[in-house]
């Protein structure tokens, strides 16, 4: 019985130690980073823009995340994204553009809640934003590493 208790204690300590090895500690502060400009793989598009993330670290943990995306010319992708001359001329395009835009908030809230980039799930229809988010977050957290 004593041997089982010792083995259980050793296993518990090993699990705790290994769990701590996987988590990183970050310096408190606010860190920003930008993804590269996205250009389609086939080269048929000039590009879709880029993303910028702002991450706040408090007590060594992620406490706030903001992720915004921009057109190549620096225009914020907001409620007007997907419109032409201020009008919705192609409803499908506008709907897809807005779904991708709203995914930015989803990615930011997932990272804030889960605390780890590897735990953030992609949103269907927003793969480019997901890739921009991952790239920008990786760069921001690298700045925050202790």
C-alpha atoms as a PDB file:
ATOM      1  CA  UNK A   1       0.000   0.000   0.000  1.00  0.00           C
ATOM      2  CA  UNK A   2       2.841   2.372   0.909  1.00  0.00           C
ATOM      3  CA  UNK A   3       4.543   1.623  -2.406  1.00  0.00           C
ATOM      4  CA  UNK A   4       1.354   2.525  -4.343  1.00  0.00           C
ATOM      5  CA  UNK A   5       1.105   5.835  -2.486  1.00  0.00           C
ATOM      6  CA  UNK A   6       4.735   6.668  -3.277  1.00  0.00           C
ATOM      7  CA  UNK A   7       4.279   5.789  -6.957  1.00  0.00           C
ATOM      8  CA  UNK A   8       1.073   7.865  -7.080  1.00  0.00           C
ATOM      9  CA  UNK A   9       2.841  10.839  -5.512  1.00  0.00           C
ATOM     10  CA  UNK A  10       5.757  10.585  -7.946  1.00  0.00           C
ATOM     11  CA  UNK A  11       3.355  10.384 -10.896  1.00  0.00           C
ATOM     12  CA  UNK A  12       1.388  13.383  -9.651  1.00  0.00           C
ATOM     13  CA  UNK A  13       4.556  15.447  -9.248  1.00  0.00           C
ATOM     14  CA  UNK A  14       5.779  14.400 -12.702  1.00  0.00           C
ATOM     15  CA  UNK A  15       2.481  15.416 -14.313  1.00  0.00           C
ATOM     16  CA  UNK A  16       2.552  18.776 -12.529  1.00  0.00           C
ATOM     17  CA  UNK A  17       6.153  19.407 -13.529  1.00  0.00           C
ATOM     18  CA  UNK A  18       5.532  18.492 -17.158  1.00  0.00           C
ATOM     19  CA  UNK A  19       2.430  20.674 -17.258  1.00  0.00           C
ATOM     20  CA  UNK A  20       4.417  23.646 -16.016  1.00  0.00           C
ATOM     21  CA  UNK A  21       7.088  23.072 -18.641  1.00  0.00           C
ATOM     22  CA  UNK A  22       4.547  23.560 -21.421  1.00  0.00           C
ATOM     23  CA  UNK A  23       3.248  26.920 -20.215  1.00  0.00           C
ATOM     24  CA  UNK A  24       5.195  30.075 -20.874  1.00  0.00           C
ATOM     25  CA  UNK A  25       5.582  33.028 -18.607  1.00  0.00           C
ATOM     26  CA  UNK A  26       5.174  36.468 -20.107  1.00  0.00           C
ATOM     27  CA  UNK A  27       6.315  39.908 -18.995  1.00  0.00           C
ATOM     28  CA  UNK A  28       3.485  42.244 -18.032  1.00  0.00           C
ATOM     29  CA  UNK A  29       2.765  44.953 -20.569  1.00  0.00           C
ATOM     30  CA  UNK A  30       1.019  45.614 -23.853  1.00  0.00           C
ATOM     31  CA  UNK A  31       2.462  44.147 -27.033  1.00  0.00           C
ATOM     32  CA  UNK A  32       1.488  44.779 -30.625  1.00  0.00           C
ATOM     33  CA  UNK A  33       2.401  43.024 -33.828  1.00  0.00           C
ATOM     34  CA  UNK A  34       1.334  42.960 -37.448  1.00  0.00           C
ATOM     35  CA  UNK A  35       1.041  40.039 -39.837  1.00  0.00           C
ATOM     36  CA  UNK A  36       2.581  40.072 -43.266  1.00  0.00           C
ATOM     37  CA  UNK A  37       0.353  41.260 -46.085  1.00  0.00           C
ATOM     38  CA  UNK A  38      -1.679  38.376 -47.409  1.00  0.00           C
ATOM     39  CA  UNK A  39      -1.327  37.624 -51.111  1.00  0.00           C
ATOM     40  CA  UNK A  40      -3.169  34.721 -52.727  1.00  0.00           C
ATOM     41  CA  UNK A  41      -1.152  31.596 -53.482  1.00  0.00           C
ATOM     42  CA  UNK A  42      -1.992  31.682 -57.177  1.00  0.00           C
ATOM     43  CA  UNK A  43      -1.059  35.343 -57.522  1.00  0.00           C
ATOM     44  CA  UNK A  44      -4.413  36.279 -59.075  1.00  0.00           C
ATOM     45  CA  UNK A  45      -5.228  38.764 -56.306  1.00  0.00           C
ATOM     46  CA  UNK A  46      -3.151  41.733 -55.278  1.00  0.00           C
ATOM     47  CA  UNK A  47      -3.793  40.824 -51.673  1.00  0.00           C
ATOM     48  CA  UNK A  48      -6.332  40.761 -48.935  1.00  0.00           C
ATOM     49  CA  UNK A  49      -4.612  42.997 -46.422  1.00  0.00           C
ATOM     50  CA  UNK A  50      -3.067  42.299 -43.040  1.00  0.00           C
ATOM     51  CA  UNK A  51      -3.933  41.940 -39.378  1.00  0.00           C
ATOM     52  CA  UNK A  52      -2.738  43.686 -36.241  1.00  0.00           C
ATOM     53  CA  UNK A  53      -3.002  42.352 -32.721  1.00  0.00           C
ATOM     54  CA  UNK A  54      -2.656  44.101 -29.363  1.00  0.00           C
ATOM     55  CA  UNK A  55      -2.172  41.808 -26.375  1.00  0.00           C
ATOM     56  CA  UNK A  56      -2.118  42.890 -22.744  1.00  0.00           C
ATOM     57  CA  UNK A  57      -0.328  40.693 -20.216  1.00  0.00           C
ATOM     58  CA  UNK A  58      -1.089  41.022 -16.497  1.00  0.00           C
ATOM     59  CA  UNK A  59       0.326  38.715 -13.857  1.00  0.00           C
ATOM     60  CA  UNK A  60       2.175  36.811 -16.573  1.00  0.00           C
ATOM     61  CA  UNK A  61      -1.091  35.844 -18.317  1.00  0.00           C
ATOM     62  CA  UNK A  62      -3.019  37.180 -21.305  1.00  0.00           C
ATOM     63  CA  UNK A  63      -5.662  39.555 -19.923  1.00  0.00           C
ATOM     64  CA  UNK A  64      -6.849  41.351 -23.067  1.00  0.00           C
ATOM     65  CA  UNK A  65      -6.645  40.827 -26.819  1.00  0.00           C
ATOM     66  CA  UNK A  66      -7.669  43.022 -29.727  1.00  0.00           C
ATOM     67  CA  UNK A  67      -7.364  41.913 -33.357  1.00  0.00           C
ATOM     68  CA  UNK A  68      -8.178  44.137 -36.309  1.00  0.00           C
ATOM     69  CA  UNK A  69      -7.688  43.634 -40.022  1.00  0.00           C
ATOM     70  CA  UNK A  70      -6.909  46.218 -42.670  1.00  0.00           C
ATOM     71  CA  UNK A  71      -6.998  46.604 -46.425  1.00  0.00           C
ATOM     72  CA  UNK A  72      -3.598  46.896 -48.112  1.00  0.00           C
ATOM     73  CA  UNK A  73      -4.044  50.694 -48.193  1.00  0.00           C
ATOM     74  CA  UNK A  74      -4.464  50.783 -44.385  1.00  0.00           C
ATOM     75  CA  UNK A  75      -8.273  51.102 -44.352  1.00  0.00           C
ATOM     76  CA  UNK A  76      -9.813  49.328 -41.349  1.00  0.00           C
ATOM     77  CA  UNK A  77     -12.115  46.455 -42.281  1.00  0.00           C
ATOM     78  CA  UNK A  78     -15.259  47.542 -40.450  1.00  0.00           C
ATOM     79  CA  UNK A  79     -19.018  47.483 -41.087  1.00  0.00           C
ATOM     80  CA  UNK A  80     -18.372  48.964 -44.543  1.00  0.00           C
ATOM     81  CA  UNK A  81     -16.056  46.119 -45.564  1.00  0.00           C
ATOM     82  CA  UNK A  82     -17.515  44.298 -48.547  1.00  0.00           C
ATOM     83  CA  UNK A  83     -19.558  47.259 -49.797  1.00  0.00           C
ATOM     84  CA  UNK A  84     -18.857  49.086 -53.048  1.00  0.00           C
ATOM     85  CA  UNK A  85     -19.174  52.871 -52.956  1.00  0.00           C
ATOM     86  CA  UNK A  86     -21.005  52.575 -49.632  1.00  0.00           C
ATOM     87  CA  UNK A  87     -23.633  50.191 -50.993  1.00  0.00           C
ATOM     88  CA  UNK A  88     -24.174  46.456 -50.813  1.00  0.00           C
ATOM     89  CA  UNK A  89     -23.992  45.550 -54.489  1.00  0.00           C
ATOM     90  CA  UNK A  90     -23.189  41.875 -53.989  1.00  0.00           C
ATOM     91  CA  UNK A  91     -24.979  40.508 -50.906  1.00  0.00           C
ATOM     92  CA  UNK A  92     -23.054  37.202 -50.887  1.00  0.00           C
ATOM     93  CA  UNK A  93     -19.708  38.993 -50.998  1.00  0.00           C
ATOM     94  CA  UNK A  94     -20.763  41.438 -48.282  1.00  0.00           C
ATOM     95  CA  UNK A  95     -22.022  38.596 -46.046  1.00  0.00           C
ATOM     96  CA  UNK A  96     -18.760  36.659 -46.452  1.00  0.00           C
ATOM     97  CA  UNK A  97     -16.678  39.783 -45.836  1.00  0.00           C
ATOM     98  CA  UNK A  98     -18.593  40.580 -42.656  1.00  0.00           C
ATOM     99  CA  UNK A  99     -18.396  36.974 -41.429  1.00  0.00           C
ATOM    100  CA  UNK A 100     -14.621  37.094 -41.853  1.00  0.00           C
ATOM    101  CA  UNK A 101     -14.485  40.465 -40.098  1.00  0.00           C
ATOM    102  CA  UNK A 102     -16.522  39.234 -37.123  1.00  0.00           C
ATOM    103  CA  UNK A 103     -14.183  36.242 -36.816  1.00  0.00           C
ATOM    104  CA  UNK A 104     -11.502  38.682 -35.674  1.00  0.00           C
ATOM    105  CA  UNK A 105     -13.416  39.320 -32.445  1.00  0.00           C
ATOM    106  CA  UNK A 106     -13.977  35.591 -32.077  1.00  0.00           C
ATOM    107  CA  UNK A 107     -10.259  34.838 -32.363  1.00  0.00           C
ATOM    108  CA  UNK A 108      -9.391  37.553 -29.861  1.00  0.00           C
ATOM    109  CA  UNK A 109     -11.966  36.371 -27.314  1.00  0.00           C
ATOM    110  CA  UNK A 110     -10.873  32.739 -27.684  1.00  0.00           C
ATOM    111  CA  UNK A 111      -7.250  33.665 -26.990  1.00  0.00           C
ATOM    112  CA  UNK A 112      -8.238  35.773 -23.992  1.00  0.00           C
ATOM    113  CA  UNK A 113     -10.391  32.963 -22.562  1.00  0.00           C
ATOM    114  CA  UNK A 114      -8.080  30.044 -23.317  1.00  0.00           C
ATOM    115  CA  UNK A 115      -4.732  31.775 -22.835  1.00  0.00           C
ATOM    116  CA  UNK A 116      -2.939  29.755 -25.508  1.00  0.00           C
ATOM    117  CA  UNK A 117      -2.770  30.293 -29.255  1.00  0.00           C
ATOM    118  CA  UNK A 118      -2.823  26.542 -29.892  1.00  0.00           C
ATOM    119  CA  UNK A 119      -6.308  26.427 -28.330  1.00  0.00           C
ATOM    120  CA  UNK A 120      -7.842  28.999 -30.727  1.00  0.00           C
ATOM    121  CA  UNK A 121     -10.085  27.338 -33.297  1.00  0.00           C
ATOM    122  CA  UNK A 122     -10.450  28.578 -36.871  1.00  0.00           C
ATOM    123  CA  UNK A 123     -13.783  29.942 -38.040  1.00  0.00           C
ATOM    124  CA  UNK A 124     -15.135  28.601 -41.322  1.00  0.00           C
ATOM    125  CA  UNK A 125     -14.880  31.260 -44.017  1.00  0.00           C
ATOM    126  CA  UNK A 126     -12.196  33.223 -42.171  1.00  0.00           C
ATOM    127  CA  UNK A 127      -9.058  31.196 -42.820  1.00  0.00           C
ATOM    128  CA  UNK A 128      -7.021  34.158 -44.065  1.00  0.00           C
ATOM    129  CA  UNK A 129      -7.874  36.104 -40.904  1.00  0.00           C
ATOM    130  CA  UNK A 130      -6.995  33.046 -38.812  1.00  0.00           C
ATOM    131  CA  UNK A 131      -3.562  32.826 -40.431  1.00  0.00           C
ATOM    132  CA  UNK A 132      -3.003  36.565 -39.977  1.00  0.00           C
ATOM    133  CA  UNK A 133      -4.099  36.275 -36.344  1.00  0.00           C
ATOM    134  CA  UNK A 134      -1.748  33.383 -35.610  1.00  0.00           C
ATOM    135  CA  UNK A 135       1.179  35.169 -37.226  1.00  0.00           C
ATOM    136  CA  UNK A 136       0.578  38.460 -35.395  1.00  0.00           C
ATOM    137  CA  UNK A 137      -0.046  36.772 -32.018  1.00  0.00           C
ATOM    138  CA  UNK A 138       3.107  34.683 -32.345  1.00  0.00           C
ATOM    139  CA  UNK A 139       5.139  37.848 -32.956  1.00  0.00           C
ATOM    140  CA  UNK A 140       3.504  39.752 -30.072  1.00  0.00           C
ATOM    141  CA  UNK A 141       3.973  36.910 -27.590  1.00  0.00           C
ATOM    142  CA  UNK A 142       7.585  36.524 -28.639  1.00  0.00           C
ATOM    143  CA  UNK A 143       8.125  40.135 -27.520  1.00  0.00           C
ATOM    144  CA  UNK A 144       6.494  39.300 -24.178  1.00  0.00           C
ATOM    145  CA  UNK A 145       8.503  36.165 -23.396  1.00  0.00           C
ATOM    146  CA  UNK A 146      10.622  36.279 -20.269  1.00  0.00           C
END
